[in-house]
Amino acid sequence: MRKPRLKLPEPVEDRPTKDPEIDYSAKTPTMGEQIIFGIKLFAAVGIIFLLLWLMEKFAAL
């Protein structure tokens, strides 16, 4: 009588994962986060324009 064949372990891809997969998709920002981002962006652009204006004002002397 023949011996039954040994079962090979399942390939890694077919095994169920023990840990849940991490979701790396982009999250939509909330309204509050969008407002804070807008204020920061406005402030950064304002600072850049202020620096350019000051450089032009004092470089013309």
C-alpha atoms as a PDB file:
ATOM      1  CA  MET A   1       0.000   0.000   0.000  1.00  0.00           C
ATOM      2  CA  ARG A   2       1.234   3.503  -0.813  1.00  0.00           C
ATOM      3  CA  LYS A   3       1.918   6.129   1.801  1.00  0.00           C
ATOM      4  CA  PRO A   4      -0.156   9.298   1.510  1.00  0.00           C
ATOM      5  CA  ARG A   5       1.843  12.240   0.213  1.00  0.00           C
ATOM      6  CA  LEU A   6       3.027  14.805   2.670  1.00  0.00           C
ATOM      7  CA  LYS A   7       1.175  18.103   2.499  1.00  0.00           C
ATOM      8  CA  LEU A   8       3.408  21.005   1.649  1.00  0.00           C
ATOM      9  CA  PRO A   9       2.892  24.242   3.562  1.00  0.00           C
ATOM     10  CA  GLU A  10       0.737  26.843   1.848  1.00  0.00           C
ATOM     11  CA  PRO A  11       2.576  29.563  -0.068  1.00  0.00           C
ATOM     12  CA  VAL A  12       3.021  32.783   1.869  1.00  0.00           C
ATOM     13  CA  GLU A  13       0.565  34.670  -0.376  1.00  0.00           C
ATOM     14  CA  ASP A  14      -2.278  32.239   0.327  1.00  0.00           C
ATOM     15  CA  ARG A  15      -1.935  32.239   4.088  1.00  0.00           C
ATOM     16  CA  PRO A  16      -4.378  34.390   6.006  1.00  0.00           C
ATOM     17  CA  THR A  17      -2.645  37.315   7.637  1.00  0.00           C
ATOM     18  CA  LYS A  18      -2.575  37.422  11.404  1.00  0.00           C
ATOM     19  CA  ASP A  19      -2.422  41.233  11.670  1.00  0.00           C
ATOM     20  CA  PRO A  20      -4.918  43.494   9.931  1.00  0.00           C
ATOM     21  CA  GLU A  21      -3.506  45.330   6.935  1.00  0.00           C
ATOM     22  CA  ILE A  22      -2.601  48.987   7.401  1.00  0.00           C
ATOM     23  CA  ASP A  23      -4.622  51.389   5.269  1.00  0.00           C
ATOM     24  CA  TYR A  24      -2.239  53.833   3.600  1.00  0.00           C
ATOM     25  CA  SER A  25      -4.874  55.635   1.535  1.00  0.00           C
ATOM     26  CA  ALA A  26      -5.144  59.398   1.855  1.00  0.00           C
ATOM     27  CA  LYS A  27      -7.723  60.624   4.339  1.00  0.00           C
ATOM     28  CA  THR A  28      -9.974  63.560   3.525  1.00  0.00           C
ATOM     29  CA  PRO A  29      -9.255  66.463   5.879  1.00  0.00           C
ATOM     30  CA  THR A  30     -12.032  67.831   8.046  1.00  0.00           C
ATOM     31  CA  MET A  31     -13.352  71.372   7.622  1.00  0.00           C
ATOM     32  CA  GLY A  32     -11.406  72.532  10.697  1.00  0.00           C
ATOM     33  CA  GLU A  33      -8.154  71.111   9.337  1.00  0.00           C
ATOM     34  CA  GLN A  34      -8.774  72.815   5.986  1.00  0.00           C
ATOM     35  CA  ILE A  35      -9.375  76.184   7.691  1.00  0.00           C
ATOM     36  CA  ILE A  36      -6.176  75.861   9.760  1.00  0.00           C
ATOM     37  CA  PHE A  37      -4.222  74.886   6.634  1.00  0.00           C
ATOM     38  CA  GLY A  38      -5.630  77.916   4.776  1.00  0.00           C
ATOM     39  CA  ILE A  39      -4.630  80.268   7.601  1.00  0.00           C
ATOM     40  CA  LYS A  40      -1.100  78.839   7.664  1.00  0.00           C
ATOM     41  CA  LEU A  41      -0.808  79.106   3.896  1.00  0.00           C
ATOM     42  CA  PHE A  42      -2.044  82.718   3.928  1.00  0.00           C
ATOM     43  CA  ALA A  43       0.454  83.584   6.695  1.00  0.00           C
ATOM     44  CA  ALA A  44       3.361  81.967   4.854  1.00  0.00           C
ATOM     45  CA  VAL A  45       2.578  83.821   1.617  1.00  0.00           C
ATOM     46  CA  GLY A  46       2.180  87.058   3.578  1.00  0.00           C
ATOM     47  CA  ILE A  47       5.587  86.641   5.202  1.00  0.00           C
ATOM     48  CA  ILE A  48       7.207  85.992   1.821  1.00  0.00           C
ATOM     49  CA  PHE A  49       5.622  89.108   0.307  1.00  0.00           C
ATOM     50  CA  LEU A  50       6.627  91.148   3.368  1.00  0.00           C
ATOM     51  CA  LEU A  51      10.244  90.027   3.036  1.00  0.00           C
ATOM     52  CA  LEU A  52      10.273  90.840  -0.684  1.00  0.00           C
ATOM     53  CA  TRP A  53       8.737  94.247  -0.042  1.00  0.00           C
ATOM     54  CA  LEU A  54      11.273  95.036   2.707  1.00  0.00           C
ATOM     55  CA  MET A  55      14.163  93.938   0.500  1.00  0.00           C
ATOM     56  CA  GLU A  56      12.932  96.182  -2.299  1.00  0.00           C
ATOM     57  CA  LYS A  57      12.354  99.126   0.033  1.00  0.00           C
ATOM     58  CA  PHE A  58      15.746  99.050   1.740  1.00  0.00           C
ATOM     59  CA  ALA A  59      17.723  97.993  -1.341  1.00  0.00           C
ATOM     60  CA  ALA A  60      16.491 101.103  -3.200  1.00  0.00           C
ATOM     61  CA  LEU A  61      18.173 103.455  -0.714  1.00  0.00           C
END
